[in-house]
Amino acid sequence: MTRTRFAPSPNGELHAGHAFSALFSERFAREHGGRFLLRIEDIDFTRARERYVKSIFEDLRWLGLNWEEPVRHQSRHMDDYYAITKRLKEEDLLYPCFCTRRQIATRLEGCSDWPNDPDGRPLYPGTCRHLSTAEREARIAAGEEHAWRLDMKEALRRIGRPLEWREEGSGPAGESGRIAVDPARWGDVILARKDIGTSYHVAVVADDAIQGIT
């Protein structure tokens, strides 16, 4: 069954792009006899506000949209995301990173030809990827703050095949088109932030799987 979702973050007011996404997702589900879900992605605790959650509901009702209850709020399901990062750690796909942004910037000073990710930020140079297990454990035991990064090279090696996704309407005559992706362009992304122990990358993928979003 087709199942779509609209998943805003309550960090501000909705804009026209949000409205288009919500209307498109609801119509697509309705036209295909499917289900339309609303999800509140509120794990950015420094910016998420309850008043924006209420505003989202009001705006969507004004647009004439209906959605299934209960609405999934990410902040109420942190244990789901912690379980996933724990599993990734056990499978040696994550490694602790003790670097601060300042330290990374200092290390890359003068490296004018250093590659950037698609957003224009310098790729992480892999400083902590090469630490020994003993050093990692000692620094964690000492209470040193750290995030957890995905070992991208190892993750892609285990997948062992090219990755792609399908986009409706991007192919010839409006048919579905398949688009190749290259995750390596993003480098060793952070999957568990220092402050909340997870990340948007983990939460959104976990929720789409849990909710069966097609």
N, C-alpha and C. Protein backbone atom coordinates (compact mmCIF):
# COMPACT_ATOMS: atom_id res chain seq x y z
N MET A 1 0.84 -1.20 0.00
CA MET A 1 0.00 0.00 0.00
C MET A 1 0.87 1.25 0.00
N THR A 2 0.47 2.23 -0.79
CA THR A 2 1.17 3.51 -0.80
C THR A 2 1.01 4.20 0.54
N ARG A 3 2.12 4.70 1.06
CA ARG A 3 2.09 5.41 2.34
C ARG A 3 3.05 6.58 2.26
N THR A 4 2.52 7.80 2.35
CA THR A 4 3.35 9.00 2.27
C THR A 4 3.35 9.71 3.61
N ARG A 5 4.28 10.66 3.73
CA ARG A 5 4.34 11.41 4.98
C ARG A 5 4.78 12.85 4.72
N PHE A 6 4.34 13.73 5.59
CA PHE A 6 4.83 15.09 5.65
C PHE A 6 5.48 15.23 7.01
N ALA A 7 6.76 15.61 7.06
CA ALA A 7 7.51 15.54 8.32
C ALA A 7 8.27 16.84 8.58
N PRO A 8 7.57 17.90 8.98
CA PRO A 8 8.23 19.17 9.25
C PRO A 8 8.93 19.18 10.60
N SER A 9 9.91 20.07 10.71
CA SER A 9 10.56 20.33 12.00
C SER A 9 9.97 21.60 12.58
N PRO A 10 9.55 21.59 13.84
CA PRO A 10 8.91 22.76 14.43
C PRO A 10 9.92 23.80 14.90
N ASN A 11 10.73 24.26 13.95
CA ASN A 11 11.76 25.25 14.27
C ASN A 11 11.40 26.64 13.76
N GLY A 12 10.21 26.76 13.17
CA GLY A 12 9.76 28.03 12.64
C GLY A 12 8.43 27.84 11.94
N GLU A 13 7.96 28.89 11.30
CA GLU A 13 6.68 28.83 10.61
C GLU A 13 6.82 28.05 9.30
N LEU A 14 5.74 27.40 8.87
CA LEU A 14 5.73 26.75 7.57
C LEU A 14 5.77 27.80 6.46
N HIS A 15 6.34 27.41 5.30
CA HIS A 15 6.38 28.32 4.16
C HIS A 15 5.75 27.64 2.95
N ALA A 16 5.78 28.29 1.80
CA ALA A 16 5.10 27.78 0.61
C ALA A 16 5.63 26.41 0.19
N GLY A 17 6.93 26.19 0.36
CA GLY A 17 7.50 24.90 0.01
C GLY A 17 6.94 23.78 0.87
N HIS A 18 6.74 24.06 2.15
CA HIS A 18 6.11 23.08 3.03
C HIS A 18 4.69 22.77 2.55
N ALA A 19 3.96 23.82 2.21
CA ALA A 19 2.57 23.63 1.78
C ALA A 19 2.51 22.76 0.54
N PHE A 20 3.39 23.01 -0.43
CA PHE A 20 3.41 22.20 -1.64
C PHE A 20 3.70 20.74 -1.32
N SER A 21 4.70 20.51 -0.47
CA SER A 21 5.08 19.14 -0.11
C SER A 21 3.93 18.42 0.58
N ALA A 22 3.26 19.10 1.50
CA ALA A 22 2.16 18.48 2.23
C ALA A 22 1.00 18.17 1.30
N LEU A 23 0.63 19.13 0.45
CA LEU A 23 -0.48 18.93 -0.47
C LEU A 23 -0.19 17.82 -1.48
N PHE A 24 1.05 17.81 -2.01
CA PHE A 24 1.43 16.77 -2.97
C PHE A 24 1.38 15.39 -2.32
N SER A 25 1.94 15.26 -1.11
CA SER A 25 2.00 13.96 -0.44
C SER A 25 0.61 13.44 -0.12
N GLU A 26 -0.26 14.34 0.36
CA GLU A 26 -1.62 13.91 0.69
C GLU A 26 -2.38 13.49 -0.57
N ARG A 27 -2.24 14.25 -1.65
CA ARG A 27 -2.95 13.93 -2.88
C ARG A 27 -2.44 12.61 -3.48
N PHE A 28 -1.11 12.43 -3.45
CA PHE A 28 -0.53 11.21 -4.01
C PHE A 28 -1.07 9.98 -3.28
N ALA A 29 -1.13 10.06 -1.95
CA ALA A 29 -1.65 8.93 -1.17
C ALA A 29 -3.12 8.69 -1.49
N ARG A 30 -3.89 9.77 -1.56
CA ARG A 30 -5.33 9.64 -1.83
C ARG A 30 -5.59 9.05 -3.21
N GLU A 31 -4.85 9.51 -4.22
CA GLU A 31 -5.07 9.03 -5.59
C GLU A 31 -4.67 7.57 -5.77
N HIS A 32 -3.80 7.08 -4.89
CA HIS A 32 -3.34 5.70 -4.99
C HIS A 32 -3.97 4.80 -3.91
N GLY A 33 -5.03 5.30 -3.28
CA GLY A 33 -5.71 4.51 -2.27
C GLY A 33 -4.84 4.20 -1.07
N GLY A 34 -3.93 5.11 -0.75
CA GLY A 34 -2.99 4.87 0.33
C GLY A 34 -3.28 5.67 1.58
N ARG A 35 -2.23 5.88 2.36
CA ARG A 35 -2.36 6.56 3.65
C ARG A 35 -1.39 7.74 3.70
N PHE A 36 -1.84 8.82 4.32
CA PHE A 36 -1.04 10.03 4.49
C PHE A 36 -0.77 10.23 5.98
N LEU A 37 0.51 10.30 6.34
CA LEU A 37 0.89 10.44 7.74
C LEU A 37 1.57 11.79 7.98
N LEU A 38 1.40 12.30 9.18
CA LEU A 38 2.09 13.51 9.62
C LEU A 38 3.06 13.12 10.72
N ARG A 39 4.28 13.63 10.61
CA ARG A 39 5.30 13.35 11.63
C ARG A 39 5.97 14.65 12.03
N ILE A 40 6.21 14.83 13.31
CA ILE A 40 6.89 16.03 13.82
C ILE A 40 8.33 15.66 14.17
N GLU A 41 9.28 16.25 13.43
CA GLU A 41 10.70 15.92 13.62
C GLU A 41 11.32 16.97 14.54
N ASP A 42 11.24 16.69 15.83
CA ASP A 42 11.55 17.70 16.85
C ASP A 42 12.70 17.31 17.77
N ILE A 43 13.75 16.70 17.20
CA ILE A 43 14.88 16.32 18.06
C ILE A 43 15.97 17.38 18.11
N ASP A 44 15.77 18.49 17.41
CA ASP A 44 16.69 19.62 17.57
C ASP A 44 16.17 20.44 18.76
N PHE A 45 16.55 20.00 19.94
CA PHE A 45 15.96 20.56 21.15
C PHE A 45 16.32 22.02 21.39
N THR A 46 17.34 22.52 20.72
CA THR A 46 17.72 23.92 20.90
C THR A 46 16.81 24.85 20.12
N ARG A 47 16.12 24.33 19.09
CA ARG A 47 15.29 25.20 18.25
C ARG A 47 13.81 24.82 18.22
N ALA A 48 13.50 23.57 18.50
CA ALA A 48 12.10 23.13 18.42
C ALA A 48 11.26 23.83 19.50
N ARG A 49 10.07 24.26 19.11
CA ARG A 49 9.17 24.95 20.02
C ARG A 49 7.75 24.40 19.87
N GLU A 50 7.07 24.24 21.00
CA GLU A 50 5.71 23.71 20.99
C GLU A 50 4.77 24.64 20.23
N ARG A 51 5.01 25.93 20.28
CA ARG A 51 4.13 26.86 19.57
C ARG A 51 4.17 26.63 18.06
N TYR A 52 5.33 26.17 17.56
CA TYR A 52 5.43 25.88 16.13
C TYR A 52 4.70 24.58 15.79
N VAL A 53 4.67 23.63 16.72
CA VAL A 53 3.90 22.41 16.50
C VAL A 53 2.42 22.76 16.32
N LYS A 54 1.91 23.59 17.23
CA LYS A 54 0.51 24.01 17.14
C LYS A 54 0.25 24.76 15.84
N SER A 55 1.20 25.59 15.44
CA SER A 55 1.06 26.36 14.22
C SER A 55 1.02 25.45 12.99
N ILE A 56 1.83 24.38 13.01
CA ILE A 56 1.83 23.42 11.91
C ILE A 56 0.46 22.79 11.75
N PHE A 57 -0.11 22.34 12.87
CA PHE A 57 -1.44 21.72 12.82
C PHE A 57 -2.48 22.71 12.27
N GLU A 58 -2.42 23.94 12.74
CA GLU A 58 -3.39 24.94 12.30
C GLU A 58 -3.26 25.21 10.80
N ASP A 59 -2.02 25.35 10.32
CA ASP A 59 -1.80 25.64 8.91
C ASP A 59 -2.27 24.49 8.02
N LEU A 60 -1.99 23.26 8.44
CA LEU A 60 -2.39 22.11 7.63
C LEU A 60 -3.91 21.96 7.59
N ARG A 61 -4.57 22.26 8.70
CA ARG A 61 -6.04 22.22 8.70
C ARG A 61 -6.59 23.31 7.79
N TRP A 62 -5.94 24.48 7.79
CA TRP A 62 -6.37 25.57 6.91
C TRP A 62 -6.25 25.16 5.44
N LEU A 63 -5.24 24.32 5.13
CA LEU A 63 -5.06 23.82 3.77
C LEU A 63 -6.08 22.72 3.43
N GLY A 64 -6.86 22.31 4.42
CA GLY A 64 -7.88 21.30 4.18
C GLY A 64 -7.37 19.87 4.27
N LEU A 65 -6.23 19.68 4.93
CA LEU A 65 -5.63 18.36 5.01
C LEU A 65 -6.08 17.61 6.27
N ASN A 66 -6.18 16.31 6.13
CA ASN A 66 -6.45 15.42 7.27
C ASN A 66 -5.35 14.37 7.32
N TRP A 67 -5.03 13.92 8.51
CA TRP A 67 -3.97 12.93 8.68
C TRP A 67 -4.36 11.95 9.77
N GLU A 68 -3.64 10.84 9.80
CA GLU A 68 -3.94 9.80 10.77
C GLU A 68 -3.39 10.16 12.14
N GLU A 69 -4.07 9.70 13.16
CA GLU A 69 -3.61 9.85 14.54
C GLU A 69 -3.20 8.47 15.06
N PRO A 70 -2.25 8.40 15.98
CA PRO A 70 -1.53 9.52 16.57
C PRO A 70 -0.40 10.01 15.66
N VAL A 71 -0.07 11.27 15.79
CA VAL A 71 1.07 11.84 15.07
C VAL A 71 2.35 11.40 15.78
N ARG A 72 3.33 10.96 15.01
CA ARG A 72 4.59 10.53 15.61
C ARG A 72 5.48 11.75 15.85
N HIS A 73 5.87 11.96 17.11
CA HIS A 73 6.81 13.00 17.50
C HIS A 73 8.15 12.33 17.77
N GLN A 74 9.17 12.70 17.04
CA GLN A 74 10.46 12.03 17.21
C GLN A 74 10.99 12.12 18.64
N SER A 75 10.75 13.23 19.29
CA SER A 75 11.29 13.42 20.64
C SER A 75 10.77 12.39 21.64
N ARG A 76 9.66 11.72 21.30
CA ARG A 76 9.08 10.72 22.19
C ARG A 76 9.57 9.30 21.88
N HIS A 77 10.48 9.19 20.92
CA HIS A 77 10.93 7.86 20.49
C HIS A 77 12.45 7.79 20.42
N MET A 78 13.12 8.50 21.30
CA MET A 78 14.57 8.53 21.27
C MET A 78 15.18 7.14 21.46
N ASP A 79 14.52 6.29 22.24
CA ASP A 79 15.05 4.95 22.47
C ASP A 79 15.18 4.16 21.16
N ASP A 80 14.28 4.41 20.21
CA ASP A 80 14.38 3.74 18.90
C ASP A 80 15.70 4.09 18.22
N TYR A 81 16.06 5.37 18.28
CA TYR A 81 17.26 5.84 17.60
C TYR A 81 18.52 5.40 18.34
N TYR A 82 18.45 5.39 19.68
CA TYR A 82 19.60 4.91 20.45
C TYR A 82 19.87 3.44 20.15
N ALA A 83 18.80 2.65 19.99
CA ALA A 83 18.97 1.22 19.70
C ALA A 83 19.66 1.02 18.36
N ILE A 84 19.34 1.87 17.40
CA ILE A 84 19.94 1.74 16.08
C ILE A 84 21.42 2.12 16.11
N THR A 85 21.76 3.22 16.77
CA THR A 85 23.17 3.59 16.85
C THR A 85 23.96 2.55 17.64
N LYS A 86 23.34 1.96 18.65
CA LYS A 86 24.01 0.90 19.41
C LYS A 86 24.33 -0.29 18.50
N ARG A 87 23.38 -0.64 17.66
CA ARG A 87 23.60 -1.76 16.74
C ARG A 87 24.71 -1.44 15.74
N LEU A 88 24.73 -0.21 15.23
CA LEU A 88 25.78 0.18 14.29
C LEU A 88 27.16 0.16 14.94
N LYS A 89 27.21 0.54 16.22
CA LYS A 89 28.48 0.48 16.95
C LYS A 89 28.94 -0.97 17.10
N GLU A 90 28.01 -1.85 17.44
CA GLU A 90 28.35 -3.26 17.61
C GLU A 90 28.83 -3.90 16.31
N GLU A 91 28.36 -3.35 15.19
CA GLU A 91 28.78 -3.87 13.88
C GLU A 91 30.01 -3.16 13.35
N ASP A 92 30.64 -2.33 14.20
CA ASP A 92 31.87 -1.60 13.84
C ASP A 92 31.69 -0.72 12.60
N LEU A 93 30.51 -0.10 12.51
CA LEU A 93 30.27 0.83 11.41
C LEU A 93 30.34 2.28 11.88
N LEU A 94 30.44 2.49 13.19
CA LEU A 94 30.61 3.82 13.75
C LEU A 94 31.90 3.87 14.55
N TYR A 95 32.50 5.04 14.58
CA TYR A 95 33.68 5.23 15.43
C TYR A 95 33.56 6.57 16.16
N PRO A 96 34.09 6.66 17.39
CA PRO A 96 33.98 7.91 18.15
C PRO A 96 34.90 8.98 17.57
N CYS A 97 34.38 10.19 17.50
CA CYS A 97 35.17 11.32 16.99
C CYS A 97 35.24 12.39 18.08
N PHE A 98 36.45 12.72 18.48
CA PHE A 98 36.67 13.67 19.57
C PHE A 98 36.99 15.07 19.05
N CYS A 99 37.01 15.25 17.75
CA CYS A 99 37.39 16.52 17.14
C CYS A 99 36.30 17.57 17.31
N THR A 100 36.71 18.79 17.56
CA THR A 100 35.79 19.91 17.53
C THR A 100 35.86 20.55 16.13
N ARG A 101 34.90 21.38 15.82
CA ARG A 101 34.91 22.06 14.53
C ARG A 101 36.17 22.92 14.38
N ARG A 102 36.57 23.55 15.48
CA ARG A 102 37.76 24.39 15.45
C ARG A 102 39.00 23.55 15.13
N GLN A 103 39.12 22.39 15.75
CA GLN A 103 40.27 21.53 15.50
C GLN A 103 40.32 21.06 14.05
N ILE A 104 39.15 20.73 13.51
CA ILE A 104 39.11 20.30 12.11
C ILE A 104 39.53 21.45 11.19
N ALA A 105 39.00 22.64 11.46
CA ALA A 105 39.34 23.80 10.64
C ALA A 105 40.83 24.10 10.71
N THR A 106 41.41 24.00 11.92
CA THR A 106 42.84 24.26 12.10
C THR A 106 43.68 23.27 11.31
N ARG A 107 43.28 22.00 11.35
CA ARG A 107 44.05 20.98 10.65
C ARG A 107 44.03 21.20 9.13
N LEU A 108 42.93 21.75 8.63
CA LEU A 108 42.81 21.92 7.18
C LEU A 108 43.28 23.28 6.68
N GLU A 109 43.80 24.09 7.59
CA GLU A 109 44.31 25.40 7.16
C GLU A 109 45.42 25.22 6.13
N GLY A 110 45.33 25.97 5.07
CA GLY A 110 46.34 25.89 4.03
C GLY A 110 46.10 24.80 3.00
N CYS A 111 45.09 23.96 3.22
CA CYS A 111 44.79 22.89 2.27
C CYS A 111 43.75 23.39 1.27
N SER A 112 44.18 24.22 0.36
CA SER A 112 43.24 24.85 -0.58
C SER A 112 42.59 23.87 -1.53
N ASP A 113 43.22 22.71 -1.72
CA ASP A 113 42.67 21.72 -2.66
C ASP A 113 41.92 20.60 -1.95
N TRP A 114 41.64 20.80 -0.64
CA TRP A 114 40.94 19.76 0.11
C TRP A 114 39.50 19.64 -0.40
N PRO A 115 38.99 18.42 -0.61
CA PRO A 115 37.64 18.26 -1.18
C PRO A 115 36.53 18.69 -0.22
N ASN A 116 35.44 19.18 -0.79
CA ASN A 116 34.25 19.57 -0.03
C ASN A 116 33.12 18.60 -0.29
N ASP A 117 32.15 18.56 0.63
CA ASP A 117 30.96 17.76 0.39
C ASP A 117 30.01 18.58 -0.50
N PRO A 118 28.88 18.01 -0.92
CA PRO A 118 27.97 18.75 -1.82
C PRO A 118 27.42 20.05 -1.25
N ASP A 119 27.50 20.23 0.07
CA ASP A 119 27.05 21.48 0.68
C ASP A 119 28.16 22.52 0.77
N GLY A 120 29.35 22.14 0.32
CA GLY A 120 30.46 23.07 0.34
C GLY A 120 31.30 23.04 1.59
N ARG A 121 31.01 22.11 2.50
CA ARG A 121 31.81 21.99 3.71
C ARG A 121 32.97 21.02 3.49
N PRO A 122 34.14 21.30 4.06
CA PRO A 122 35.28 20.39 3.89
C PRO A 122 34.96 19.00 4.43
N LEU A 123 35.35 17.98 3.70
CA LEU A 123 35.15 16.62 4.18
C LEU A 123 35.98 16.38 5.44
N TYR A 124 35.42 15.59 6.34
CA TYR A 124 36.15 15.26 7.57
C TYR A 124 37.43 14.51 7.20
N PRO A 125 38.58 14.92 7.72
CA PRO A 125 39.85 14.32 7.31
C PRO A 125 40.14 12.95 7.90
N GLY A 126 39.24 12.42 8.72
CA GLY A 126 39.44 11.06 9.23
C GLY A 126 40.40 10.97 10.40
N THR A 127 40.59 12.06 11.12
CA THR A 127 41.56 12.10 12.21
C THR A 127 41.34 10.98 13.23
N CYS A 128 40.09 10.79 13.66
CA CYS A 128 39.81 9.81 14.71
C CYS A 128 39.53 8.40 14.17
N ARG A 129 39.40 8.27 12.86
CA ARG A 129 39.12 6.96 12.29
C ARG A 129 40.28 6.00 12.55
N HIS A 130 41.47 6.56 12.68
CA HIS A 130 42.66 5.72 12.80
C HIS A 130 43.14 5.51 14.23
N LEU A 131 42.37 5.98 15.20
CA LEU A 131 42.75 5.76 16.60
C LEU A 131 42.63 4.28 16.95
N SER A 132 43.47 3.82 17.83
CA SER A 132 43.39 2.43 18.27
C SER A 132 42.19 2.25 19.18
N THR A 133 41.76 1.01 19.32
CA THR A 133 40.64 0.71 20.22
C THR A 133 40.96 1.13 21.64
N ALA A 134 42.20 0.88 22.06
CA ALA A 134 42.61 1.23 23.42
C ALA A 134 42.52 2.73 23.66
N GLU A 135 42.97 3.53 22.69
CA GLU A 135 42.92 4.97 22.87
C GLU A 135 41.48 5.47 22.88
N ARG A 136 40.66 4.92 22.02
CA ARG A 136 39.25 5.32 22.01
C ARG A 136 38.60 5.04 23.35
N GLU A 137 38.80 3.83 23.86
CA GLU A 137 38.17 3.45 25.11
C GLU A 137 38.68 4.31 26.27
N ALA A 138 39.97 4.62 26.25
CA ALA A 138 40.55 5.42 27.33
C ALA A 138 39.98 6.84 27.32
N ARG A 139 39.84 7.41 26.16
CA ARG A 139 39.33 8.77 26.08
C ARG A 139 37.85 8.84 26.44
N ILE A 140 37.09 7.83 26.06
CA ILE A 140 35.68 7.77 26.45
C ILE A 140 35.55 7.60 27.96
N ALA A 141 36.37 6.70 28.52
CA ALA A 141 36.35 6.46 29.96
C ALA A 141 36.72 7.71 30.75
N ALA A 142 37.56 8.56 30.15
CA ALA A 142 37.97 9.79 30.81
C ALA A 142 36.92 10.88 30.71
N GLY A 143 35.84 10.59 30.04
CA GLY A 143 34.73 11.54 29.94
C GLY A 143 34.89 12.56 28.83
N GLU A 144 35.77 12.28 27.87
CA GLU A 144 35.98 13.23 26.78
C GLU A 144 34.76 13.25 25.85
N GLU A 145 34.27 14.43 25.54
CA GLU A 145 33.10 14.54 24.67
C GLU A 145 33.41 14.00 23.28
N HIS A 146 32.42 13.34 22.69
CA HIS A 146 32.64 12.77 21.37
C HIS A 146 31.32 12.55 20.65
N ALA A 147 31.39 12.61 19.34
CA ALA A 147 30.28 12.22 18.48
C ALA A 147 30.63 10.85 17.89
N TRP A 148 29.70 10.28 17.13
CA TRP A 148 29.96 9.00 16.47
C TRP A 148 29.76 9.17 14.97
N ARG A 149 30.80 8.86 14.21
CA ARG A 149 30.78 9.01 12.76
C ARG A 149 30.62 7.66 12.07
N LEU A 150 29.97 7.71 10.91
CA LEU A 150 29.84 6.53 10.08
C LEU A 150 31.14 6.30 9.32
N ASP A 151 31.66 5.07 9.38
CA ASP A 151 32.80 4.70 8.55
C ASP A 151 32.26 4.44 7.14
N MET A 152 32.22 5.49 6.35
CA MET A 152 31.55 5.43 5.05
C MET A 152 32.16 4.37 4.14
N LYS A 153 33.47 4.31 4.10
CA LYS A 153 34.13 3.34 3.21
C LYS A 153 33.74 1.92 3.57
N GLU A 154 33.70 1.61 4.85
CA GLU A 154 33.34 0.25 5.29
C GLU A 154 31.86 -0.02 5.02
N ALA A 155 31.01 0.98 5.25
CA ALA A 155 29.58 0.80 5.00
C ALA A 155 29.31 0.49 3.54
N LEU A 156 29.96 1.23 2.64
CA LEU A 156 29.75 1.00 1.21
C LEU A 156 30.33 -0.34 0.78
N ARG A 157 31.44 -0.73 1.41
CA ARG A 157 32.03 -2.04 1.08
C ARG A 157 31.06 -3.16 1.42
N ARG A 158 30.38 -3.04 2.54
CA ARG A 158 29.45 -4.09 2.94
C ARG A 158 28.21 -4.11 2.07
N ILE A 159 27.78 -2.95 1.60
CA ILE A 159 26.63 -2.92 0.69
C ILE A 159 26.99 -3.61 -0.62
N GLY A 160 28.16 -3.30 -1.14
CA GLY A 160 28.70 -4.03 -2.28
C GLY A 160 28.00 -3.83 -3.61
N ARG A 161 27.24 -2.76 -3.76
CA ARG A 161 26.55 -2.51 -5.04
C ARG A 161 26.25 -1.03 -5.16
N PRO A 162 26.05 -0.55 -6.37
CA PRO A 162 25.68 0.87 -6.55
C PRO A 162 24.33 1.16 -5.90
N LEU A 163 24.16 2.37 -5.42
CA LEU A 163 22.91 2.78 -4.79
C LEU A 163 22.16 3.75 -5.70
N GLU A 164 20.84 3.66 -5.68
CA GLU A 164 20.01 4.55 -6.46
C GLU A 164 18.67 4.71 -5.78
N TRP A 165 17.92 5.73 -6.20
CA TRP A 165 16.57 5.93 -5.70
C TRP A 165 15.68 6.32 -6.86
N ARG A 166 14.40 6.15 -6.68
CA ARG A 166 13.43 6.42 -7.73
C ARG A 166 12.65 7.69 -7.43
N GLU A 167 12.54 8.53 -8.43
CA GLU A 167 11.78 9.77 -8.28
C GLU A 167 10.63 9.78 -9.28
N GLU A 168 9.43 9.96 -8.75
CA GLU A 168 8.26 10.01 -9.60
C GLU A 168 8.31 11.24 -10.51
N GLY A 169 8.05 11.03 -11.80
CA GLY A 169 7.93 12.15 -12.72
C GLY A 169 9.23 12.67 -13.28
N SER A 170 10.37 12.07 -12.94
CA SER A 170 11.65 12.58 -13.42
C SER A 170 12.13 11.89 -14.68
N GLY A 171 11.45 10.82 -15.09
CA GLY A 171 11.85 10.09 -16.28
C GLY A 171 11.15 10.60 -17.53
N PRO A 172 11.37 9.92 -18.66
CA PRO A 172 10.72 10.32 -19.92
C PRO A 172 9.20 10.30 -19.78
N ALA A 173 8.55 11.30 -20.36
CA ALA A 173 7.09 11.40 -20.37
C ALA A 173 6.48 11.34 -18.97
N GLY A 174 7.24 11.85 -17.98
CA GLY A 174 6.71 11.90 -16.62
C GLY A 174 6.73 10.59 -15.88
N GLU A 175 7.43 9.59 -16.42
CA GLU A 175 7.50 8.30 -15.74
C GLU A 175 8.52 8.38 -14.60
N SER A 176 8.54 7.32 -13.81
CA SER A 176 9.51 7.27 -12.70
C SER A 176 10.92 7.20 -13.26
N GLY A 177 11.82 7.95 -12.66
CA GLY A 177 13.21 7.92 -13.07
C GLY A 177 14.09 7.43 -11.94
N ARG A 178 15.14 6.71 -12.28
CA ARG A 178 16.08 6.21 -11.28
C ARG A 178 17.33 7.09 -11.27
N ILE A 179 17.72 7.50 -10.08
CA ILE A 179 18.82 8.43 -9.92
C ILE A 179 19.91 7.77 -9.09
N ALA A 180 21.12 7.71 -9.64
CA ALA A 180 22.26 7.12 -8.92
C ALA A 180 22.74 8.08 -7.84
N VAL A 181 23.18 7.54 -6.73
CA VAL A 181 23.70 8.36 -5.63
C VAL A 181 25.09 7.88 -5.24
N ASP A 182 25.87 8.80 -4.70
CA ASP A 182 27.23 8.49 -4.28
C ASP A 182 27.45 8.99 -2.85
N PRO A 183 27.08 8.18 -1.85
CA PRO A 183 27.21 8.62 -0.45
C PRO A 183 28.63 9.02 -0.06
N ALA A 184 29.63 8.48 -0.76
CA ALA A 184 31.02 8.78 -0.41
C ALA A 184 31.32 10.27 -0.53
N ARG A 185 30.52 10.99 -1.30
CA ARG A 185 30.74 12.43 -1.45
C ARG A 185 30.55 13.18 -0.14
N TRP A 186 29.84 12.56 0.81
CA TRP A 186 29.56 13.21 2.08
C TRP A 186 30.58 12.86 3.16
N GLY A 187 31.45 11.89 2.87
CA GLY A 187 32.45 11.51 3.84
C GLY A 187 31.86 10.81 5.06
N ASP A 188 32.60 10.79 6.14
CA ASP A 188 32.18 10.11 7.37
C ASP A 188 31.23 11.01 8.17
N VAL A 189 29.97 10.97 7.82
CA VAL A 189 28.99 11.85 8.46
C VAL A 189 28.76 11.46 9.92
N ILE A 190 28.33 12.42 10.72
CA ILE A 190 28.01 12.17 12.12
C ILE A 190 26.62 11.55 12.21
N LEU A 191 26.51 10.38 12.84
CA LEU A 191 25.22 9.73 13.03
C LEU A 191 24.74 9.80 14.47
N ALA A 192 25.62 10.19 15.38
CA ALA A 192 25.21 10.40 16.77
C ALA A 192 25.92 11.66 17.28
N ARG A 193 25.14 12.72 17.44
CA ARG A 193 25.71 13.98 17.89
C ARG A 193 26.13 13.91 19.36
N LYS A 194 27.03 14.81 19.74
CA LYS A 194 27.49 14.85 21.12
C LYS A 194 26.37 15.17 22.10
N ASP A 195 25.45 16.04 21.69
CA ASP A 195 24.46 16.55 22.63
C ASP A 195 23.24 15.65 22.79
N ILE A 196 22.80 14.97 21.72
CA ILE A 196 21.56 14.19 21.83
C ILE A 196 21.75 12.70 21.58
N GLY A 197 22.95 12.28 21.20
CA GLY A 197 23.22 10.85 21.06
C GLY A 197 22.65 10.21 19.81
N THR A 198 22.05 11.02 18.92
CA THR A 198 21.58 10.52 17.63
C THR A 198 21.67 11.67 16.65
N SER A 199 20.99 11.57 15.52
CA SER A 199 21.03 12.64 14.53
C SER A 199 19.79 12.56 13.66
N TYR A 200 19.58 13.62 12.89
CA TYR A 200 18.47 13.62 11.93
C TYR A 200 18.61 12.46 10.96
N HIS A 201 19.85 12.18 10.51
CA HIS A 201 20.07 11.13 9.53
C HIS A 201 19.53 9.78 10.01
N VAL A 202 19.76 9.48 11.27
CA VAL A 202 19.28 8.22 11.84
C VAL A 202 17.77 8.27 12.05
N ALA A 203 17.29 9.34 12.66
CA ALA A 203 15.87 9.41 13.03
C ALA A 203 14.94 9.35 11.83
N VAL A 204 15.26 10.09 10.77
CA VAL A 204 14.34 10.13 9.63
C VAL A 204 14.29 8.79 8.91
N VAL A 205 15.43 8.12 8.79
CA VAL A 205 15.44 6.81 8.13
C VAL A 205 14.75 5.76 8.99
N ALA A 206 15.00 5.82 10.29
CA ALA A 206 14.35 4.87 11.20
C ALA A 206 12.83 5.04 11.16
N ASP A 207 12.38 6.28 11.21
CA ASP A 207 10.93 6.53 11.22
C ASP A 207 10.28 6.10 9.91
N ASP A 208 10.92 6.36 8.79
CA ASP A 208 10.35 5.92 7.52
C ASP A 208 10.22 4.41 7.48
N ALA A 209 11.18 3.70 8.05
CA ALA A 209 11.10 2.23 8.09
C ALA A 209 10.02 1.78 9.06
N ILE A 210 9.99 2.37 10.25
CA ILE A 210 9.01 1.99 11.27
C ILE A 210 7.59 2.25 10.78
N GLN A 211 7.39 3.36 10.09
CA GLN A 211 6.05 3.73 9.63
C GLN A 211 5.71 3.16 8.24
N GLY A 212 6.66 2.46 7.63
CA GLY A 212 6.39 1.83 6.35
C GLY A 212 6.16 2.81 5.22
N ILE A 213 6.89 3.93 5.23
CA ILE A 213 6.72 4.94 4.19
C ILE A 213 7.25 4.40 2.86
N THR A 214 6.41 4.48 1.84
CA THR A 214 6.81 3.96 0.54
C THR A 214 7.38 5.03 -0.39
